Protein backbone atom coordinates (compact mmCIF):
# COMPACT_ATOMS: atom_id res chain seq x y z
CA MET A 1 101.82 99.65 103.47
CA THR A 2 101.97 101.78 100.24
CA ASN A 3 98.83 103.49 99.06
CA GLY A 4 100.57 104.98 95.62
CA THR A 5 102.90 104.27 93.04
CA TRP A 6 105.72 106.77 92.03
CA GLN A 7 104.82 109.78 89.58
CA LYS A 8 107.66 111.90 88.19
CA SER A 9 106.37 115.63 86.57
CA SER A 10 105.75 115.30 83.07
CA ARG A 11 108.13 117.83 82.29
CA SER A 12 110.98 115.68 83.40
CA GLY A 13 110.23 113.81 79.64
CA SER A 14 112.69 110.86 79.17
CA HIS A 15 115.28 111.86 81.49
CA ASP A 16 116.10 110.01 84.76
CA ASP A 17 117.08 112.52 87.18
CA CYS A 18 114.09 113.87 88.66
CA VAL A 19 112.02 114.32 92.15
CA GLU A 20 109.34 111.47 92.41
CA VAL A 21 106.42 111.45 94.28
CA ARG A 22 104.11 109.01 95.80
CA THR A 23 101.67 108.79 98.88
CA SER A 24 102.33 106.24 101.69
CA ASP A 25 99.47 105.88 104.30
CA ALA A 26 98.86 109.54 105.68
CA LEU A 27 102.17 110.53 103.93
CA ILE A 28 103.65 111.95 101.64
CA GLU A 29 106.89 110.23 100.33
CA LEU A 30 109.59 112.41 97.75
CA ARG A 31 112.58 110.44 96.82
CA GLU A 32 115.02 111.09 93.45
CA SER A 33 114.71 108.49 90.63
CA ASP A 34 118.57 108.11 90.52
CA ASP A 35 118.63 107.05 94.02
CA GLY A 36 115.50 105.12 95.25
CA GLU A 37 116.82 103.70 98.34
CA THR A 38 116.87 107.40 100.06
CA ILE A 39 112.96 108.47 101.00
CA LEU A 40 112.16 111.58 102.54
CA ARG A 41 108.72 111.21 104.24
CA THR A 42 106.42 114.37 105.53
CA THR A 43 103.16 115.35 105.92
CA PRO A 44 100.76 116.94 103.41
CA ALA A 45 100.38 120.19 105.23
CA ALA A 46 104.18 119.80 105.36
CA ALA A 47 104.90 119.29 101.83
CA ALA A 48 102.31 121.84 100.92
CA ALA A 49 104.08 124.24 103.14
CA LEU A 50 107.21 123.69 101.09
CA LEU A 51 106.14 123.90 97.47
CA ARG A 52 104.32 127.51 98.98
CA ALA A 53 107.82 128.61 99.70
CA ILE A 54 109.47 127.49 96.60
CA LYS A 55 107.01 128.93 94.23
CA SER A 56 106.94 132.48 96.26
CA GLY A 57 111.00 132.24 95.90
CA GLU A 58 111.27 131.97 99.30
CA LEU A 59 114.22 129.30 99.13
CA ASP A 60 115.97 131.37 95.64
CA HIS A 61 119.01 132.10 98.33
CA HIS A 62 119.80 128.56 98.41
CA ALA A 63 120.12 128.09 94.58
């Protein structure tokens, strides 16, 4: 059962190549807007840890 609708960042503007997010039950779901069939499901704690790592630059060496 899905609790939310897909949302994308306001910074994406009118572009269709972005990451969308929604809540579903007790999980966070992520997908690329141009590939809606592939959905990553994770816990809120894991999503928060990922955002902290991105903001701190911890994953920059993967770019």
